[in-house]
Amino acid sequence: MPALLSRSGSRHGLTLLASLSLLAAAHAQAQAPAAPRTQVPGYYRLAVGDYEVTALFDGFNDLSPGLLLGMSPERIQALLARQAMAGDRVQTSFNAFLVNTGQHLVLVDSGAGQCLGGTAGHLLENMKAAGYSPEQVDTVLVTHMHLDHVCGLVDGQDGALFPNATVYAARAEADYWLDAKRLEQAPKEARGFFEVAQKSLAPYQSAGRLQTFVPPASPIPELKTESTVGHTPGSTSYRFESKGQSIVFIGDLIHNVAVQFAHPEVAIRFDVDPKQAIKTRDAEFTALAKGGTWVAAAHLPFPGIGHVSREGKAFDWAPVNYGPYQRPAQVPLIQ
């Protein structure tokens, strides 16, 4: 066919091809450039009175719904489905928190560090993105000594990652997890928990920078402590108050947002004393719902900060709304 085109037809064909080429080039230039396929830095900042609270995303892991105890698998899946979590894996956040009181830079828990592979151990990079360095931390509060709360205290060579910090933990918690005899006597499947706790605290202990206390004693003046045992023998909650506002760091008082607020009677296999853990959760949530305080939890969806409210025998969770670090004194009201 091309050989049969006239000279004018050839010119018309060339013009058409040129126009198509220009359109293709314009289309290519209009396409959005590829952005790096990474998430934004994992930190969220909140003012609590004069104190600055920074949630730090250490990472996540997938937990099996079968770890939740005291309810049929079918009912658990139905509750998970209400929050698009149904299936055989539930993505579970690992949150840690910084509190800058002006006198102390306090880290509450340290995440999973090197213990759980590539999905966790991002505490330091997110701390630096938030404007802080590990050398600035002078106080570390441990809610309990499970690996996803203490493994982030050390590097891959078991050296201290917070060289200027004193680590504080409830005496009952330290006595339980750091006891060499208890490690020897522990069932084979539980020994790893003891080993990680002992390795993670060892550099601080040898430097004289591991201190224990008995709640309600307070390691630093800005702080109130409360025994919230059950999940572990020395689980502790930490409360900071400033200018009429407060925030309580509850550690592992809850693991699953879809199930355990609606049914606080559901335990998890990691509870050392499931009955006591259930009792403590109900009592603590009841108190938190009355007080209107901010609540920060290690395993609720990041940033893990919000309010607890009471709904009959159940509870509800209202996560913090994204917004400015501190609300302006005057906010326009649209009516």
C-alpha atoms as a PDB file:
ATOM      1  CA  MET A   1       0.000   0.000   0.000  1.00  0.00           C
ATOM      2  CA  PRO A   2       2.652   2.675   0.776  1.00  0.00           C
ATOM      3  CA  ALA A   3       3.936   2.415  -2.823  1.00  0.00           C
ATOM      4  CA  LEU A   4       0.499   3.410  -4.145  1.00  0.00           C
ATOM      5  CA  LEU A   5       0.320   6.672  -2.133  1.00  0.00           C
ATOM      6  CA  SER A   6       0.596   9.934  -4.060  1.00  0.00           C
ATOM      7  CA  ARG A   7       3.213  12.557  -3.209  1.00  0.00           C
ATOM      8  CA  SER A   8       0.563  14.645  -1.437  1.00  0.00           C
ATOM      9  CA  GLY A   9      -0.654  11.540   0.390  1.00  0.00           C
ATOM     10  CA  SER A  10       2.896  10.849   1.570  1.00  0.00           C
ATOM     11  CA  ARG A  11       3.188  14.393   2.897  1.00  0.00           C
ATOM     12  CA  HIS A  12      -0.145  13.969   4.724  1.00  0.00           C
ATOM     13  CA  GLY A  13       1.031  10.656   6.203  1.00  0.00           C
ATOM     14  CA  LEU A  14       4.283  12.157   7.423  1.00  0.00           C
ATOM     15  CA  THR A  15       2.400  15.069   9.023  1.00  0.00           C
ATOM     16  CA  LEU A  16       0.081  12.622  10.795  1.00  0.00           C
ATOM     17  CA  LEU A  17       3.004  10.584  12.101  1.00  0.00           C
ATOM     18  CA  ALA A  18       4.719  13.728  13.363  1.00  0.00           C
ATOM     19  CA  SER A  19       1.541  14.795  15.173  1.00  0.00           C
ATOM     20  CA  LEU A  20       1.204  11.373  16.785  1.00  0.00           C
ATOM     21  CA  SER A  21       4.850  11.525  17.893  1.00  0.00           C
ATOM     22  CA  LEU A  22       4.291  14.933  19.482  1.00  0.00           C
ATOM     23  CA  LEU A  23       1.189  13.654  21.303  1.00  0.00           C
ATOM     24  CA  ALA A  24       3.097  10.627  22.588  1.00  0.00           C
ATOM     25  CA  ALA A  25       5.939  12.841  23.835  1.00  0.00           C
ATOM     26  CA  ALA A  26       3.478  15.188  25.560  1.00  0.00           C
ATOM     27  CA  HIS A  27       1.758  12.210  27.197  1.00  0.00           C
ATOM     28  CA  ALA A  28       5.092  10.845  28.442  1.00  0.00           C
ATOM     29  CA  GLN A  29       6.013  14.228  29.920  1.00  0.00           C
ATOM     30  CA  ALA A  30       2.605  14.477  31.634  1.00  0.00           C
ATOM     31  CA  GLN A  31       3.133  11.255  33.604  1.00  0.00           C
ATOM     32  CA  ALA A  32       3.960  11.752  37.284  1.00  0.00           C
ATOM     33  CA  PRO A  33       7.554  10.954  38.251  1.00  0.00           C
ATOM     34  CA  ALA A  34       8.010   7.821  40.329  1.00  0.00           C
ATOM     35  CA  ALA A  35       8.320   8.553  44.058  1.00  0.00           C
ATOM     36  CA  PRO A  36      10.384   6.395  46.420  1.00  0.00           C
ATOM     37  CA  ARG A  37       8.217   3.523  47.617  1.00  0.00           C
ATOM     38  CA  THR A  38       8.854   4.124  51.295  1.00  0.00           C
ATOM     39  CA  GLN A  39       6.623   5.231  54.145  1.00  0.00           C
ATOM     40  CA  VAL A  40       6.921   8.601  55.855  1.00  0.00           C
ATOM     41  CA  PRO A  41       9.069   8.645  59.034  1.00  0.00           C
ATOM     42  CA  GLY A  42       7.307   6.851  61.863  1.00  0.00           C
ATOM     43  CA  TYR A  43       6.786   9.444  64.551  1.00  0.00           C
ATOM     44  CA  TYR A  44       3.842  11.414  65.889  1.00  0.00           C
ATOM     45  CA  ARG A  45       4.056  14.314  68.332  1.00  0.00           C
ATOM     46  CA  LEU A  46       1.558  15.439  70.962  1.00  0.00           C
ATOM     47  CA  ALA A  47       1.600  18.119  73.655  1.00  0.00           C
ATOM     48  CA  VAL A  48       0.460  17.034  77.118  1.00  0.00           C
ATOM     49  CA  GLY A  49       0.553  20.233  79.136  1.00  0.00           C
ATOM     50  CA  ASP A  50       4.169  21.387  79.035  1.00  0.00           C
ATOM     51  CA  TYR A  51       5.419  17.902  78.185  1.00  0.00           C
ATOM     52  CA  GLU A  52       6.182  16.760  74.648  1.00  0.00           C
ATOM     53  CA  VAL A  53       5.194  13.179  73.819  1.00  0.00           C
ATOM     54  CA  THR A  54       6.567  11.553  70.658  1.00  0.00           C
ATOM     55  CA  ALA A  55       5.257   8.183  69.509  1.00  0.00           C
ATOM     56  CA  LEU A  56       7.930   6.156  67.691  1.00  0.00           C
ATOM     57  CA  PHE A  57       7.107   3.347  65.277  1.00  0.00           C
ATOM     58  CA  ASP A  58       9.520   0.479  65.829  1.00  0.00           C
ATOM     59  CA  GLY A  59       7.782  -1.734  63.267  1.00  0.00           C
ATOM     60  CA  PHE A  60       5.288  -4.553  63.279  1.00  0.00           C
ATOM     61  CA  ASN A  61       4.816  -8.279  63.197  1.00  0.00           C
ATOM     62  CA  ASP A  62       1.938 -10.553  62.249  1.00  0.00           C
ATOM     63  CA  LEU A  63       0.185 -12.279  65.139  1.00  0.00           C
ATOM     64  CA  SER A  64      -2.061 -15.286  64.742  1.00  0.00           C
ATOM     65  CA  PRO A  65      -5.645 -14.757  65.958  1.00  0.00           C
ATOM     66  CA  GLY A  66      -5.217 -18.171  67.574  1.00  0.00           C
ATOM     67  CA  LEU A  67      -3.110 -16.454  70.259  1.00  0.00           C
ATOM     68  CA  LEU A  68      -6.284 -14.837  71.620  1.00  0.00           C
ATOM     69  CA  LEU A  69      -7.869 -17.033  74.295  1.00  0.00           C
ATOM     70  CA  GLY A  70     -11.344 -17.303  75.794  1.00  0.00           C
ATOM     71  CA  MET A  71     -13.532 -16.903  72.695  1.00  0.00           C
ATOM     72  CA  SER A  72     -14.397 -19.093  69.729  1.00  0.00           C
ATOM     73  CA  PRO A  73     -12.297 -18.627  66.577  1.00  0.00           C
ATOM     74  CA  GLU A  74     -15.467 -17.810  64.627  1.00  0.00           C
ATOM     75  CA  ARG A  75     -16.407 -14.981  66.985  1.00  0.00           C
ATOM     76  CA  ILE A  76     -12.865 -13.628  66.976  1.00  0.00           C
ATOM     77  CA  GLN A  77     -12.849 -13.583  63.175  1.00  0.00           C
ATOM     78  CA  ALA A  78     -16.187 -11.753  63.155  1.00  0.00           C
ATOM     79  CA  LEU A  79     -14.788  -9.054  65.462  1.00  0.00           C
ATOM     80  CA  LEU A  80     -11.615  -8.775  63.384  1.00  0.00           C
ATOM     81  CA  ALA A  81     -13.684  -8.432  60.208  1.00  0.00           C
ATOM     82  CA  ARG A  82     -15.375  -5.329  61.606  1.00  0.00           C
ATOM     83  CA  GLN A  83     -12.003  -3.596  61.372  1.00  0.00           C
ATOM     84  CA  ALA A  84     -10.784  -5.295  58.183  1.00  0.00           C
ATOM     85  CA  MET A  85      -8.411  -7.563  60.110  1.00  0.00           C
ATOM     86  CA  ALA A  86      -9.961 -10.970  59.394  1.00  0.00           C
ATOM     87  CA  GLY A  87      -7.700 -13.816  58.301  1.00  0.00           C
ATOM     88  CA  ASP A  88      -4.929 -15.919  59.708  1.00  0.00           C
ATOM     89  CA  ARG A  89      -2.575 -12.938  60.265  1.00  0.00           C
ATOM     90  CA  VAL A  90      -3.162  -9.712  62.161  1.00  0.00           C
ATOM     91  CA  GLN A  91      -0.621  -6.934  61.588  1.00  0.00           C
ATOM     92  CA  THR A  92       0.370  -5.686  65.036  1.00  0.00           C
ATOM     93  CA  SER A  93       2.327  -2.496  65.697  1.00  0.00           C
ATOM     94  CA  PHE A  94       5.322  -2.123  67.992  1.00  0.00           C
ATOM     95  CA  ASN A  95       5.198   1.365  69.494  1.00  0.00           C
ATOM     96  CA  ALA A  96       7.634   3.090  71.832  1.00  0.00           C
ATOM     97  CA  PHE A  97       7.372   6.624  73.199  1.00  0.00           C
ATOM     98  CA  LEU A  98       9.563   9.583  74.108  1.00  0.00           C
ATOM     99  CA  VAL A  99       8.543  12.063  76.786  1.00  0.00           C
ATOM    100  CA  ASN A 100      10.462  15.344  76.969  1.00  0.00           C
ATOM    101  CA  THR A 101       9.645  16.930  80.332  1.00  0.00           C
ATOM    102  CA  GLY A 102      12.190  19.721  79.998  1.00  0.00           C
ATOM    103  CA  GLN A 103      14.257  18.070  82.734  1.00  0.00           C
ATOM    104  CA  HIS A 104      14.403  14.535  81.364  1.00  0.00           C
ATOM    105  CA  LEU A 105      14.196  12.854  77.980  1.00  0.00           C
ATOM    106  CA  VAL A 106      12.392   9.633  78.791  1.00  0.00           C
ATOM    107  CA  LEU A 107      12.014   6.590  76.537  1.00  0.00           C
ATOM    108  CA  VAL A 108       9.121   4.266  77.401  1.00  0.00           C
ATOM    109  CA  ASP A 109      10.055   0.798  76.094  1.00  0.00           C
ATOM    110  CA  SER A 110      12.512   0.224  73.261  1.00  0.00           C
ATOM    111  CA  GLY A 111      10.843  -1.981  70.677  1.00  0.00           C
ATOM    112  CA  ALA A 112      12.019  -5.286  69.255  1.00  0.00           C
ATOM    113  CA  GLY A 113      15.454  -4.223  68.045  1.00  0.00           C
ATOM    114  CA  GLN A 114      17.333  -7.038  66.313  1.00  0.00           C
ATOM    115  CA  CYS A 115      15.038  -9.761  67.633  1.00  0.00           C
ATOM    116  CA  LEU A 116      12.309  -9.929  64.992  1.00  0.00           C
ATOM    117  CA  GLY A 117      13.929  -9.354  61.627  1.00  0.00           C
ATOM    118  CA  GLY A 118      13.276  -6.708  59.006  1.00  0.00           C
ATOM    119  CA  THR A 119       9.726  -5.706  59.973  1.00  0.00           C
ATOM    120  CA  ALA A 120      10.870  -4.230  63.307  1.00  0.00           C
ATOM    121  CA  GLY A 121      13.896  -2.537  64.811  1.00  0.00           C
ATOM    122  CA  HIS A 122      13.256   0.915  63.306  1.00  0.00           C
ATOM    123  CA  LEU A 123      13.186   2.796  66.602  1.00  0.00           C
ATOM    124  CA  LEU A 124      16.492   4.646  66.177  1.00  0.00           C
ATOM    125  CA  GLU A 125      15.891   5.824  62.607  1.00  0.00           C
ATOM    126  CA  ASN A 126      12.476   7.173  63.577  1.00  0.00           C
ATOM    127  CA  MET A 127      13.891   8.748  66.742  1.00  0.00           C
ATOM    128  CA  LYS A 128      16.476  10.570  64.630  1.00  0.00           C
ATOM    129  CA  ALA A 129      13.796  11.618  62.124  1.00  0.00           C
ATOM    130  CA  ALA A 130      11.893  13.099  65.075  1.00  0.00           C
ATOM    131  CA  GLY A 131      14.922  15.214  65.969  1.00  0.00           C
ATOM    132  CA  TYR A 132      16.482  13.215  68.800  1.00  0.00           C
ATOM    133  CA  SER A 133      19.515  10.975  69.217  1.00  0.00           C
ATOM    134  CA  PRO A 134      19.904   7.960  71.520  1.00  0.00           C
ATOM    135  CA  GLU A 135      22.682   9.785  73.426  1.00  0.00           C
ATOM    136  CA  GLN A 136      20.134  12.375  74.589  1.00  0.00           C
ATOM    137  CA  VAL A 137      17.937   9.826  76.360  1.00  0.00           C
ATOM    138  CA  ASP A 138      18.700   9.880  80.086  1.00  0.00           C
ATOM    139  CA  THR A 139      15.835   7.685  81.363  1.00  0.00           C
ATOM    140  CA  VAL A 140      14.342   4.454  80.004  1.00  0.00           C
ATOM    141  CA  LEU A 141      11.152   3.104  81.562  1.00  0.00           C
ATOM    142  CA  VAL A 142      10.400  -0.555  80.914  1.00  0.00           C
ATOM    143  CA  THR A 143       6.729  -1.532  81.144  1.00  0.00           C
ATOM    144  CA  HIS A 144       7.817  -5.190  81.151  1.00  0.00           C
ATOM    145  CA  MET A 145      10.667  -7.302  79.844  1.00  0.00           C
ATOM    146  CA  HIS A 146       9.231  -9.167  76.872  1.00  0.00           C
ATOM    147  CA  LEU A 147      11.584  -9.061  73.890  1.00  0.00           C
ATOM    148  CA  ASP A 148       9.554  -6.534  71.873  1.00  0.00           C
ATOM    149  CA  HIS A 149      10.032  -4.037  74.714  1.00  0.00           C
ATOM    150  CA  VAL A 150      13.683  -4.565  75.695  1.00  0.00           C
ATOM    151  CA  CYS A 151      15.555  -5.989  72.698  1.00  0.00           C
ATOM    152  CA  GLY A 152      15.828  -2.458  71.290  1.00  0.00           C
ATOM    153  CA  LEU A 153      18.039  -1.476  74.226  1.00  0.00           C
ATOM    154  CA  VAL A 154      21.062  -3.128  72.615  1.00  0.00           C
ATOM    155  CA  ASP A 155      22.739  -3.410  69.219  1.00  0.00           C
ATOM    156  CA  GLY A 156      23.640  -6.583  67.343  1.00  0.00           C
ATOM    157  CA  GLN A 157      26.696  -7.057  69.583  1.00  0.00           C
ATOM    158  CA  ASP A 158      24.640  -6.662  72.791  1.00  0.00           C
ATOM    159  CA  GLY A 159      26.104  -3.205  73.461  1.00  0.00           C
ATOM    160  CA  ALA A 160      24.025  -0.435  75.031  1.00  0.00           C
ATOM    161  CA  LEU A 161      22.257   1.743  72.454  1.00  0.00           C
ATOM    162  CA  PHE A 162      21.426   4.425  75.040  1.00  0.00           C
ATOM    163  CA  PRO A 163      24.838   5.064  76.596  1.00  0.00           C
ATOM    164  CA  ASN A 164      23.735   7.879  78.921  1.00  0.00           C
ATOM    165  CA  ALA A 165      20.470   6.373  80.123  1.00  0.00           C
ATOM    166  CA  THR A 166      19.482   4.703  83.368  1.00  0.00           C
ATOM    167  CA  VAL A 167      16.964   1.925  82.831  1.00  0.00           C
ATOM    168  CA  TYR A 168      14.148   1.543  85.359  1.00  0.00           C
ATOM    169  CA  ALA A 169      11.907  -1.486  85.836  1.00  0.00           C
ATOM    170  CA  ALA A 170       9.654  -2.778  88.586  1.00  0.00           C
ATOM    171  CA  ARG A 171      11.542  -4.974  91.047  1.00  0.00           C
ATOM    172  CA  ALA A 172       9.135  -7.887  90.544  1.00  0.00           C
ATOM    173  CA  GLU A 173       9.763  -7.756  86.785  1.00  0.00           C
ATOM    174  CA  ALA A 174      13.544  -7.739  87.143  1.00  0.00           C
ATOM    175  CA  ASP A 175      13.481 -10.469  89.785  1.00  0.00           C
ATOM    176  CA  TYR A 176      11.465 -12.702  87.468  1.00  0.00           C
ATOM    177  CA  TRP A 177      13.210 -12.272  84.092  1.00  0.00           C
ATOM    178  CA  LEU A 178      16.788 -11.637  85.215  1.00  0.00           C
ATOM    179  CA  ASP A 179      17.036 -14.620  87.560  1.00  0.00           C
ATOM    180  CA  ALA A 180      19.610 -17.083  86.171  1.00  0.00           C
ATOM    181  CA  LYS A 181      18.061 -19.979  88.106  1.00  0.00           C
ATOM    182  CA  ARG A 182      14.638 -19.258  86.666  1.00  0.00           C
ATOM    183  CA  LEU A 183      16.145 -19.382  83.172  1.00  0.00           C
ATOM    184  CA  GLU A 184      17.622 -22.805  83.894  1.00  0.00           C
ATOM    185  CA  GLN A 185      14.293 -24.090  85.205  1.00  0.00           C
ATOM    186  CA  ALA A 186      12.111 -22.565  82.450  1.00  0.00           C
ATOM    187  CA  PRO A 187      10.474 -24.830  79.852  1.00  0.00           C
ATOM    188  CA  LYS A 188      12.443 -25.041  76.633  1.00  0.00           C
ATOM    189  CA  GLU A 189       9.888 -22.973  74.678  1.00  0.00           C
ATOM    190  CA  ALA A 190      10.088 -20.141  77.248  1.00  0.00           C
ATOM    191  CA  ARG A 191      13.857 -19.880  77.683  1.00  0.00           C
ATOM    192  CA  GLY A 192      14.281 -17.469  74.794  1.00  0.00           C
ATOM    193  CA  PHE A 193      12.219 -14.846  76.634  1.00  0.00           C
ATOM    194  CA  PHE A 194      14.545 -15.023  79.633  1.00  0.00           C
ATOM    195  CA  GLU A 195      17.691 -15.046  77.489  1.00  0.00           C
ATOM    196  CA  VAL A 196      16.684 -11.948  75.535  1.00  0.00           C
ATOM    197  CA  ALA A 197      15.741 -10.048  78.683  1.00  0.00           C
ATOM    198  CA  GLN A 198      19.037 -10.896  80.358  1.00  0.00           C
ATOM    199  CA  LYS A 199      21.162 -10.011  77.313  1.00  0.00           C
ATOM    200  CA  SER A 200      19.263  -6.766  76.703  1.00  0.00           C
ATOM    201  CA  LEU A 201      19.644  -5.510  80.262  1.00  0.00           C
ATOM    202  CA  ALA A 202      23.179  -6.860  80.845  1.00  0.00           C
ATOM    203  CA  PRO A 203      25.208  -3.813  79.653  1.00  0.00           C
ATOM    204  CA  TYR A 204      23.098  -1.454  81.764  1.00  0.00           C
ATOM    205  CA  GLN A 205      23.238  -3.766  84.762  1.00  0.00           C
ATOM    206  CA  SER A 206      27.025  -4.135  84.573  1.00  0.00           C
ATOM    207  CA  ALA A 207      27.412  -0.326  84.331  1.00  0.00           C
ATOM    208  CA  GLY A 208      25.219   0.217  87.386  1.00  0.00           C
ATOM    209  CA  ARG A 209      22.533   1.838  85.242  1.00  0.00           C
ATOM    210  CA  LEU A 210      19.711  -0.632  85.859  1.00  0.00           C
ATOM    211  CA  GLN A 211      17.559   0.456  88.774  1.00  0.00           C
ATOM    212  CA  THR A 212      14.453  -1.184  90.182  1.00  0.00           C
ATOM    213  CA  PHE A 213      11.550   0.238  92.165  1.00  0.00           C
ATOM    214  CA  VAL A 214       8.307  -0.912  93.757  1.00  0.00           C
ATOM    215  CA  PRO A 215       5.165   0.905  92.519  1.00  0.00           C
ATOM    216  CA  PRO A 216       3.876   3.453  93.411  1.00  0.00           C
ATOM    217  CA  ALA A 217       7.448   4.686  93.974  1.00  0.00           C
ATOM    218  CA  SER A 218       8.604   7.002  91.171  1.00  0.00           C
ATOM    219  CA  PRO A 219      12.060   6.872  89.546  1.00  0.00           C
ATOM    220  CA  ILE A 220      11.828  10.554  88.517  1.00  0.00           C
ATOM    221  CA  PRO A 221       9.735  13.383  90.036  1.00  0.00           C
ATOM    222  CA  GLU A 222       7.547  13.964  86.954  1.00  0.00           C
ATOM    223  CA  LEU A 223       6.251  10.413  87.024  1.00  0.00           C
ATOM    224  CA  LYS A 224       3.660   8.247  88.800  1.00  0.00           C
ATOM    225  CA  THR A 225       3.819   4.462  88.573  1.00  0.00           C
ATOM    226  CA  GLU A 226       1.142   1.815  88.965  1.00  0.00           C
ATOM    227  CA  SER A 227       1.409  -1.949  89.196  1.00  0.00           C
ATOM    228  CA  THR A 228      -0.632  -3.491  86.355  1.00  0.00           C
ATOM    229  CA  VAL A 229       0.485  -7.103  86.715  1.00  0.00           C
ATOM    230  CA  GLY A 230      -0.919 -10.161  84.976  1.00  0.00           C
ATOM    231  CA  HIS A 231       0.616  -9.991  81.541  1.00  0.00           C
ATOM    232  CA  THR A 232       3.919 -10.390  83.395  1.00  0.00           C
ATOM    233  CA  PRO A 233       4.689 -10.490  87.139  1.00  0.00           C
ATOM    234  CA  GLY A 234       5.892  -6.890  87.231  1.00  0.00           C
ATOM    235  CA  SER A 235       4.026  -5.135  84.403  1.00  0.00           C
ATOM    236  CA  THR A 236       3.878  -1.415  85.172  1.00  0.00           C
ATOM    237  CA  SER A 237       1.995   1.595  83.828  1.00  0.00           C
ATOM    238  CA  TYR A 238       3.544   5.067  83.826  1.00  0.00           C
ATOM    239  CA  ARG A 239       1.610   8.328  84.196  1.00  0.00           C
ATOM    240  CA  PHE A 240       2.860  11.813  83.351  1.00  0.00           C
ATOM    241  CA  GLU A 241       0.841  14.884  84.353  1.00  0.00           C
ATOM    242  CA  SER A 242       1.313  18.529  83.386  1.00  0.00           C
ATOM    243  CA  LYS A 243      -1.016  21.528  83.641  1.00  0.00           C
ATOM    244  CA  GLY A 244      -4.126  19.456  84.231  1.00  0.00           C
ATOM    245  CA  GLN A 245      -3.431  17.026  81.375  1.00  0.00           C
ATOM    246  CA  SER A 246      -2.111  13.483  81.678  1.00  0.00           C
ATOM    247  CA  ILE A 247      -1.013  10.494  79.647  1.00  0.00           C
ATOM    248  CA  VAL A 248      -0.660   6.891  80.816  1.00  0.00           C
ATOM    249  CA  PHE A 249       1.652   4.388  79.102  1.00  0.00           C
ATOM    250  CA  ILE A 250       0.030   0.973  79.543  1.00  0.00           C
ATOM    251  CA  GLY A 251       2.460  -1.338  77.730  1.00  0.00           C
ATOM    252  CA  ASP A 252       0.749  -4.640  76.881  1.00  0.00           C
ATOM    253  CA  LEU A 253      -2.461  -4.158  78.813  1.00  0.00           C
ATOM    254  CA  ILE A 254      -4.071  -4.762  75.412  1.00  0.00           C
ATOM    255  CA  HIS A 255      -2.867  -6.390  72.193  1.00  0.00           C
ATOM    256  CA  ASN A 256      -5.777  -6.305  69.763  1.00  0.00           C
ATOM    257  CA  VAL A 257      -7.928  -3.244  69.101  1.00  0.00           C
ATOM    258  CA  ALA A 258     -10.773  -5.166  67.452  1.00  0.00           C
ATOM    259  CA  VAL A 259     -11.265  -7.824  70.120  1.00  0.00           C
ATOM    260  CA  GLN A 260     -10.059  -6.828  73.581  1.00  0.00           C
ATOM    261  CA  PHE A 261     -11.872  -3.493  73.939  1.00  0.00           C
ATOM    262  CA  ALA A 262     -15.193  -5.115  73.067  1.00  0.00           C
ATOM    263  CA  HIS A 263     -14.288  -8.181  75.122  1.00  0.00           C
ATOM    264  CA  PRO A 264     -11.724  -7.367  77.811  1.00  0.00           C
ATOM    265  CA  GLU A 265     -12.173 -10.912  79.116  1.00  0.00           C
ATOM    266  CA  VAL A 266     -10.152 -12.243  76.155  1.00  0.00           C
ATOM    267  CA  ALA A 267      -6.576 -13.074  77.142  1.00  0.00           C
ATOM    268  CA  ILE A 268      -3.521 -13.698  74.977  1.00  0.00           C
ATOM    269  CA  ARG A 269      -1.171 -16.646  75.132  1.00  0.00           C
ATOM    270  CA  PHE A 270       1.732 -14.398  76.168  1.00  0.00           C
ATOM    271  CA  ASP A 271       0.027 -13.578  79.497  1.00  0.00           C
ATOM    272  CA  VAL A 272       1.941 -15.148  82.370  1.00  0.00           C
ATOM    273  CA  ASP A 273      -1.227 -15.011  84.506  1.00  0.00           C
ATOM    274  CA  PRO A 274      -4.240 -14.734  82.138  1.00  0.00           C
ATOM    275  CA  LYS A 275      -6.875 -14.413  84.888  1.00  0.00           C
ATOM    276  CA  GLN A 276      -4.982 -11.579  86.560  1.00  0.00           C
ATOM    277  CA  ALA A 277      -4.303  -9.913  83.199  1.00  0.00           C
ATOM    278  CA  ILE A 278      -8.062  -9.846  82.480  1.00  0.00           C
ATOM    279  CA  LYS A 279      -8.834  -8.481  85.934  1.00  0.00           C
ATOM    280  CA  THR A 280      -6.175  -5.788  85.631  1.00  0.00           C
ATOM    281  CA  ARG A 281      -7.306  -4.747  82.142  1.00  0.00           C
ATOM    282  CA  ASP A 282     -10.905  -4.300  83.253  1.00  0.00           C
ATOM    283  CA  ALA A 283      -9.962  -2.305  86.350  1.00  0.00           C
ATOM    284  CA  GLU A 284      -7.455  -0.094  84.552  1.00  0.00           C
ATOM    285  CA  PHE A 285      -9.710   0.599  81.560  1.00  0.00           C
ATOM    286  CA  THR A 286     -12.561   1.478  83.922  1.00  0.00           C
ATOM    287  CA  ALA A 287     -10.354   4.034  85.652  1.00  0.00           C
ATOM    288  CA  LEU A 288      -8.973   5.422  82.378  1.00  0.00           C
ATOM    289  CA  ALA A 289     -12.479   5.810  80.919  1.00  0.00           C
ATOM    290  CA  LYS A 290     -13.545   7.922  83.911  1.00  0.00           C
ATOM    291  CA  GLY A 291     -10.485  10.151  83.905  1.00  0.00           C
ATOM    292  CA  GLY A 292     -10.448  11.206  80.238  1.00  0.00           C
ATOM    293  CA  THR A 293      -6.681  10.872  80.198  1.00  0.00           C
ATOM    294  CA  TRP A 294      -4.590  10.194  77.126  1.00  0.00           C
ATOM    295  CA  VAL A 295      -3.598   6.542  76.816  1.00  0.00           C
ATOM    296  CA  ALA A 296      -0.538   5.185  74.976  1.00  0.00           C
ATOM    297  CA  ALA A 297      -0.283   1.477  74.179  1.00  0.00           C
ATOM    298  CA  ALA A 298       2.496  -0.595  72.689  1.00  0.00           C
ATOM    299  CA  HIS A 299       0.470  -2.680  70.240  1.00  0.00           C
ATOM    300  CA  LEU A 300      -2.492  -0.591  69.124  1.00  0.00           C
ATOM    301  CA  PRO A 301      -2.310   0.799  65.570  1.00  0.00           C
ATOM    302  CA  PHE A 302       0.326   3.536  65.358  1.00  0.00           C
ATOM    303  CA  PRO A 303       0.644   6.013  66.989  1.00  0.00           C
ATOM    304  CA  GLY A 304      -1.107   3.972  69.695  1.00  0.00           C
ATOM    305  CA  ILE A 305      -2.417   7.103  71.447  1.00  0.00           C
ATOM    306  CA  GLY A 306      -6.056   7.845  72.181  1.00  0.00           C
ATOM    307  CA  HIS A 307      -8.824   7.692  74.759  1.00  0.00           C
ATOM    308  CA  VAL A 308     -10.664   4.773  76.356  1.00  0.00           C
ATOM    309  CA  SER A 309     -14.402   5.015  76.945  1.00  0.00           C
ATOM    310  CA  ARG A 310     -16.861   2.664  78.630  1.00  0.00           C
ATOM    311  CA  GLU A 311     -19.641   0.945  76.649  1.00  0.00           C
ATOM    312  CA  GLY A 312     -21.660  -1.117  79.139  1.00  0.00           C
ATOM    313  CA  LYS A 313     -19.456  -4.055  80.100  1.00  0.00           C
ATOM    314  CA  ALA A 314     -17.213  -3.337  77.145  1.00  0.00           C
ATOM    315  CA  PHE A 315     -14.883  -0.493  76.211  1.00  0.00           C
ATOM    316  CA  ASP A 316     -14.194   1.555  73.115  1.00  0.00           C
ATOM    317  CA  TRP A 317     -11.085   3.186  71.678  1.00  0.00           C
ATOM    318  CA  ALA A 318     -10.945   6.665  70.172  1.00  0.00           C
ATOM    319  CA  PRO A 319      -7.565   7.117  68.441  1.00  0.00           C
ATOM    320  CA  VAL A 320      -5.970  10.549  68.426  1.00  0.00           C
ATOM    321  CA  ASN A 321      -6.943  12.752  65.496  1.00  0.00           C
ATOM    322  CA  TYR A 322      -4.061  13.892  63.332  1.00  0.00           C
ATOM    323  CA  GLY A 323      -3.518  17.584  63.852  1.00  0.00           C
ATOM    324  CA  PRO A 324      -1.103  20.253  65.057  1.00  0.00           C
ATOM    325  CA  TYR A 325       1.338  19.509  67.830  1.00  0.00           C
ATOM    326  CA  GLN A 326      -0.572  21.916  70.044  1.00  0.00           C
ATOM    327  CA  ARG A 327      -4.020  23.366  69.344  1.00  0.00           C
ATOM    328  CA  PRO A 328      -4.101  27.153  68.938  1.00  0.00           C
ATOM    329  CA  ALA A 329      -5.831  29.118  71.673  1.00  0.00           C
ATOM    330  CA  GLN A 330      -8.376  30.384  69.150  1.00  0.00           C
ATOM    331  CA  VAL A 331      -9.853  27.948  66.621  1.00  0.00           C
ATOM    332  CA  PRO A 332     -12.529  29.164  64.159  1.00  0.00           C
ATOM    333  CA  LEU A 333     -15.920  27.515  64.666  1.00  0.00           C
ATOM    334  CA  ILE A 334     -17.953  26.827  61.555  1.00  0.00           C
ATOM    335  CA  GLN A 335     -21.685  26.780  62.259  1.00  0.00           C
END
